[in-house]
Amino acid sequence: MNLNRLHSLAISESGFIFDPTTGNSFTSNETGKYILDSLISGLDEEGIIDKIFQEFSASKIEIENDYNDFMQRLRLYHLVENN
């Protein structure tokens, strides 16, 4: 997975995301921001899901679904690419 574009994003504490490459902006909830921050820091899918599971009160299935939905949105916005 190519995550290069994520490193150029400006992400505020409140979840406002600005992509300087395109000028587009997005908003994210707390979980989405947590996933973005974790991806940028180098965690893989399993590490991110485990980290969220430890910090939030949700089932692994719910976390996996949220992760997959958020990753689909990142692909839709061309912020991540499958290699």
C-alpha atoms as a PDB file:
ATOM      1  CA  MET A   1       0.000   0.000   0.000  1.00  0.00           C
ATOM      2  CA  ASN A   2       1.368   3.396  -0.964  1.00  0.00           C
ATOM      3  CA  LEU A   3       0.967   5.892   1.881  1.00  0.00           C
ATOM      4  CA  ASN A   4       3.221   8.668   0.544  1.00  0.00           C
ATOM      5  CA  ARG A   5       0.407  11.203   0.155  1.00  0.00           C
ATOM      6  CA  LEU A   6      -0.542  10.855   3.822  1.00  0.00           C
ATOM      7  CA  HIS A   7       2.749  12.398   4.902  1.00  0.00           C
ATOM      8  CA  SER A   8       1.894  15.682   3.175  1.00  0.00           C
ATOM      9  CA  LEU A   9      -1.520  16.064   4.852  1.00  0.00           C
ATOM     10  CA  ALA A  10      -2.117  18.768   7.419  1.00  0.00           C
ATOM     11  CA  ILE A  11      -4.246  17.252  10.185  1.00  0.00           C
ATOM     12  CA  SER A  12      -5.653  19.340  13.022  1.00  0.00           C
ATOM     13  CA  GLU A  13      -6.432  18.052  16.500  1.00  0.00           C
ATOM     14  CA  SER A  14     -10.144  18.428  15.744  1.00  0.00           C
ATOM     15  CA  GLY A  15      -9.956  16.131  12.697  1.00  0.00           C
ATOM     16  CA  PHE A  16      -9.804  18.731   9.928  1.00  0.00           C
ATOM     17  CA  ILE A  17      -7.612  17.365   7.132  1.00  0.00           C
ATOM     18  CA  PHE A  18      -6.088  19.447   4.341  1.00  0.00           C
ATOM     19  CA  ASP A  19      -4.451  17.917   1.278  1.00  0.00           C
ATOM     20  CA  PRO A  20      -2.018  20.516  -0.115  1.00  0.00           C
ATOM     21  CA  THR A  21      -1.527  18.469  -3.280  1.00  0.00           C
ATOM     22  CA  THR A  22      -5.125  18.966  -4.415  1.00  0.00           C
ATOM     23  CA  GLY A  23      -6.366  21.746  -2.148  1.00  0.00           C
ATOM     24  CA  ASN A  24      -9.153  19.461  -0.913  1.00  0.00           C
ATOM     25  CA  SER A  25     -10.158  19.361   2.717  1.00  0.00           C
ATOM     26  CA  PHE A  26     -11.960  16.705   4.713  1.00  0.00           C
ATOM     27  CA  THR A  27     -13.161  16.138   8.222  1.00  0.00           C
ATOM     28  CA  SER A  28     -12.756  12.993  10.249  1.00  0.00           C
ATOM     29  CA  ASN A  29     -14.086  11.629  13.484  1.00  0.00           C
ATOM     30  CA  GLU A  30     -11.823  10.610  16.358  1.00  0.00           C
ATOM     31  CA  THR A  31     -11.378   7.057  15.082  1.00  0.00           C
ATOM     32  CA  GLY A  32     -10.478   8.217  11.582  1.00  0.00           C
ATOM     33  CA  LYS A  33      -7.922  10.673  12.930  1.00  0.00           C
ATOM     34  CA  TYR A  34      -6.488   7.926  15.115  1.00  0.00           C
ATOM     35  CA  ILE A  35      -6.163   5.648  12.067  1.00  0.00           C
ATOM     36  CA  LEU A  36      -4.514   8.405  10.002  1.00  0.00           C
ATOM     37  CA  ASP A  37      -2.046   9.251  12.745  1.00  0.00           C
ATOM     38  CA  SER A  38      -1.226   5.552  13.165  1.00  0.00           C
ATOM     39  CA  LEU A  39      -0.722   5.022   9.422  1.00  0.00           C
ATOM     40  CA  ILE A  40       1.575   8.033   9.233  1.00  0.00           C
ATOM     41  CA  SER A  41       3.590   6.741  12.192  1.00  0.00           C
ATOM     42  CA  GLY A  42       4.129   3.446  10.355  1.00  0.00           C
ATOM     43  CA  LEU A  43       1.727   1.014  11.996  1.00  0.00           C
ATOM     44  CA  ASP A  44       0.201  -1.689   9.818  1.00  0.00           C
ATOM     45  CA  GLU A  45      -3.447  -2.764   9.785  1.00  0.00           C
ATOM     46  CA  GLU A  46      -3.084  -5.329  12.558  1.00  0.00           C
ATOM     47  CA  GLY A  47      -1.158  -2.907  14.765  1.00  0.00           C
ATOM     48  CA  ILE A  48      -3.730  -0.171  14.266  1.00  0.00           C
ATOM     49  CA  ILE A  49      -6.666  -2.446  15.031  1.00  0.00           C
ATOM     50  CA  ASP A  50      -4.955  -3.783  18.165  1.00  0.00           C
ATOM     51  CA  LYS A  51      -4.077  -0.266  19.311  1.00  0.00           C
ATOM     52  CA  ILE A  52      -7.669   0.947  18.862  1.00  0.00           C
ATOM     53  CA  PHE A  53      -8.988  -2.165  20.625  1.00  0.00           C
ATOM     54  CA  GLN A  54      -6.795  -1.416  23.637  1.00  0.00           C
ATOM     55  CA  GLU A  55      -7.797   2.254  23.832  1.00  0.00           C
ATOM     56  CA  PHE A  56     -11.511   2.235  22.968  1.00  0.00           C
ATOM     57  CA  SER A  57     -14.419   0.146  24.168  1.00  0.00           C
ATOM     58  CA  ALA A  58     -15.473  -1.561  20.944  1.00  0.00           C
ATOM     59  CA  SER A  59     -15.425  -5.091  19.591  1.00  0.00           C
ATOM     60  CA  LYS A  60     -12.660  -6.203  17.241  1.00  0.00           C
ATOM     61  CA  ILE A  61     -15.239  -6.774  14.483  1.00  0.00           C
ATOM     62  CA  GLU A  62     -16.575  -3.229  14.877  1.00  0.00           C
ATOM     63  CA  ILE A  63     -13.025  -1.834  14.815  1.00  0.00           C
ATOM     64  CA  GLU A  64     -12.114  -3.893  11.728  1.00  0.00           C
ATOM     65  CA  ASN A  65     -15.246  -2.659   9.956  1.00  0.00           C
ATOM     66  CA  ASP A  66     -14.481   0.963  10.882  1.00  0.00           C
ATOM     67  CA  TYR A  67     -10.880   0.535   9.729  1.00  0.00           C
ATOM     68  CA  ASN A  68     -11.933  -0.982   6.392  1.00  0.00           C
ATOM     69  CA  ASP A  69     -14.583   1.715   5.819  1.00  0.00           C
ATOM     70  CA  PHE A  70     -12.087   4.481   6.561  1.00  0.00           C
ATOM     71  CA  MET A  71      -9.431   2.936   4.309  1.00  0.00           C
ATOM     72  CA  GLN A  72     -12.006   2.729   1.512  1.00  0.00           C
ATOM     73  CA  ARG A  73     -12.651   6.446   1.913  1.00  0.00           C
ATOM     74  CA  LEU A  74      -8.912   7.175   1.783  1.00  0.00           C
ATOM     75  CA  ARG A  75      -8.731   5.201  -1.474  1.00  0.00           C
ATOM     76  CA  LEU A  76     -11.781   7.045  -2.828  1.00  0.00           C
ATOM     77  CA  TYR A  77     -10.028  10.370  -2.169  1.00  0.00           C
ATOM     78  CA  HIS A  78      -6.797   8.968  -3.683  1.00  0.00           C
ATOM     79  CA  LEU A  79      -4.911   9.468  -0.436  1.00  0.00           C
ATOM     80  CA  VAL A  80      -3.719   5.845  -0.359  1.00  0.00           C
ATOM     81  CA  GLU A  81      -3.154   3.435  -3.201  1.00  0.00           C
ATOM     82  CA  ASN A  82      -2.849  -0.315  -3.354  1.00  0.00           C
ATOM     83  CA  ASN A  83       0.395  -1.409  -4.957  1.00  0.00           C
END
